[in-house]
Amino acid sequence: MKNAFCDGERIELEGTQIAETMSYVYLGRSLNMENDLKEELGRRRRAAWAAFGPLREATDQLTDHELRAHLFDSTVLPALCYAAETWSDTAATLKSLRTVHRALERCLLRYNRRTHCKPDFALPV
């Protein structure tokens, strides 16, 4: 990964050429020179769904709504919002996060959009 101030086409370290990459993951965050968040938002979306997968079976058996919400808030939301404080707050970023958050909540509440079944409770956004 190079910026506009890098001279030459090759980067060498002790005689070994370093491979060029367009983006890489550092400390769990996808970085690129254009500071494009599409790839990072996709990674966060996949991480949130991966965190919700094992939780789904456990929450389906729980009847206590507060405990279900607490499990969701303590496991899924950190996976979704990891490093979000470093992102620029654009309308597109917020819309993407809201969309994923609502989809995860619908699964948690067993809310079906086709039949328009209303949930017993709603989590604060």
Protein backbone atom coordinates (compact mmCIF):
# COMPACT_ATOMS: atom_id res chain seq x y z
CA MET A 1 0.00 0.00 0.00
CA LYS A 2 1.54 3.32 -1.07
CA ASN A 3 0.43 6.92 -0.88
CA ALA A 4 0.95 9.68 -3.45
CA PHE A 5 4.28 10.73 -1.90
CA CYS A 6 6.00 7.38 -2.46
CA ASP A 7 8.74 7.52 -5.11
CA GLY A 8 9.39 4.61 -7.40
CA GLU A 9 7.36 1.60 -8.27
CA ARG A 10 9.12 -0.93 -6.06
CA ILE A 11 9.61 -1.02 -2.33
CA GLU A 12 12.54 -3.04 -1.06
CA LEU A 13 13.59 -3.96 2.44
CA GLU A 14 17.13 -5.34 2.76
CA GLY A 15 17.11 -6.31 -0.90
CA THR A 16 13.77 -8.12 -0.76
CA GLN A 17 10.89 -6.65 -2.72
CA ILE A 18 7.75 -6.05 -0.65
CA ALA A 19 4.47 -7.04 -2.30
CA GLU A 20 2.01 -4.22 -2.90
CA THR A 21 -1.52 -4.56 -1.59
CA MET A 22 -4.59 -2.36 -1.91
CA SER A 23 -5.83 -2.98 1.65
CA TYR A 24 -4.92 -4.99 4.72
CA VAL A 25 -6.32 -5.87 8.12
CA TYR A 26 -4.53 -4.33 11.09
CA LEU A 27 -5.78 -4.85 14.66
CA GLY A 28 -9.08 -6.18 13.34
CA ARG A 29 -9.76 -3.21 11.08
CA SER A 30 -9.52 -3.14 7.30
CA LEU A 31 -7.31 -0.26 6.12
CA ASN A 32 -6.80 1.22 2.67
CA MET A 33 -5.31 4.42 1.28
CA GLU A 34 -8.64 5.77 0.02
CA ASN A 35 -10.16 5.39 3.53
CA ASP A 36 -13.10 3.62 1.92
CA LEU A 37 -15.32 2.02 4.57
CA LYS A 38 -17.27 -0.36 2.31
CA GLU A 39 -14.90 -3.26 2.96
CA GLU A 40 -14.76 -2.53 6.69
CA LEU A 41 -18.55 -2.28 6.98
CA GLY A 42 -18.85 -5.62 5.21
CA ARG A 43 -16.37 -7.16 7.65
CA ARG A 44 -18.29 -5.75 10.62
CA ARG A 45 -21.59 -7.03 9.20
CA ARG A 46 -20.16 -10.53 8.77
CA ALA A 47 -18.63 -10.42 12.28
CA ALA A 48 -21.97 -9.42 13.82
CA TRP A 49 -23.83 -12.23 12.07
CA ALA A 50 -21.08 -14.67 13.07
CA ALA A 51 -21.45 -13.55 16.70
CA PHE A 52 -25.23 -13.86 16.49
CA GLY A 53 -25.17 -17.39 15.03
CA PRO A 54 -24.36 -19.31 18.23
CA LEU A 55 -26.49 -16.88 20.23
CA ARG A 56 -29.61 -17.58 18.17
CA GLU A 57 -30.10 -21.09 19.52
CA ALA A 58 -29.66 -19.92 23.12
CA THR A 59 -32.00 -16.93 22.78
CA ASP A 60 -34.71 -19.02 21.12
CA GLN A 61 -34.98 -21.04 24.33
CA LEU A 62 -35.06 -17.99 26.64
CA THR A 63 -38.32 -16.36 27.65
CA ASP A 64 -36.79 -13.51 29.66
CA HIS A 65 -36.69 -10.58 27.25
CA GLU A 66 -34.22 -8.57 29.32
CA LEU A 67 -31.72 -11.43 29.36
CA ARG A 68 -32.07 -11.89 25.60
CA ALA A 69 -31.46 -8.16 25.09
CA HIS A 70 -28.47 -8.22 27.45
CA LEU A 71 -26.90 -11.16 25.58
CA PHE A 72 -27.44 -9.35 22.28
CA ASP A 73 -25.95 -6.10 23.59
CA SER A 74 -22.92 -7.79 25.13
CA THR A 75 -21.98 -10.08 22.22
CA VAL A 76 -23.39 -8.91 18.89
CA LEU A 77 -23.17 -5.11 19.16
CA PRO A 78 -19.43 -5.06 20.04
CA ALA A 79 -18.75 -7.22 16.97
CA LEU A 80 -20.78 -4.82 14.80
CA CYS A 81 -19.39 -1.58 16.21
CA TYR A 82 -15.73 -2.53 16.67
CA ALA A 83 -13.52 0.50 15.81
CA ALA A 84 -16.60 2.53 14.81
CA GLU A 85 -15.22 5.55 16.67
CA THR A 86 -12.54 5.84 13.99
CA TRP A 87 -15.04 5.93 11.09
CA SER A 88 -16.32 9.13 9.55
CA ASP A 89 -19.97 9.73 10.40
CA THR A 90 -21.57 9.87 6.99
CA ALA A 91 -25.19 9.22 6.16
CA ALA A 92 -24.25 6.10 4.19
CA THR A 93 -22.24 4.66 7.09
CA LEU A 94 -25.03 5.27 9.58
CA LYS A 95 -27.64 3.83 7.22
CA SER A 96 -25.58 0.69 6.71
CA LEU A 97 -25.10 0.18 10.46
CA ARG A 98 -28.79 0.83 11.17
CA THR A 99 -29.85 -1.64 8.50
CA VAL A 100 -27.68 -4.44 9.87
CA HIS A 101 -28.72 -3.64 13.45
CA ARG A 102 -32.42 -3.81 12.54
CA ALA A 103 -31.96 -7.10 10.68
CA LEU A 104 -30.19 -8.63 13.67
CA GLU A 105 -32.92 -7.37 16.01
CA ARG A 106 -35.61 -8.86 13.79
CA CYS A 107 -33.91 -12.24 14.04
CA LEU A 108 -33.55 -11.88 17.80
CA LEU A 109 -37.23 -10.97 18.17
CA ARG A 110 -38.32 -13.61 15.64
CA TYR A 111 -40.05 -10.85 13.69
CA ASN A 112 -41.10 -11.88 10.20
CA ARG A 113 -41.33 -9.00 7.72
CA ARG A 114 -43.56 -10.97 5.35
CA THR A 115 -46.27 -11.77 7.88
CA HIS A 116 -45.74 -8.51 9.79
CA CYS A 117 -45.82 -10.24 13.16
CA LYS A 118 -45.28 -7.66 15.87
CA PRO A 119 -42.55 -8.30 18.44
CA ASP A 120 -43.21 -8.49 22.19
CA PHE A 121 -40.57 -5.87 22.87
CA ALA A 122 -38.11 -3.65 21.04
CA LEU A 123 -34.50 -2.93 21.88
CA PRO A 124 -33.35 0.70 22.02
CA VAL A 125 -31.37 1.80 18.97
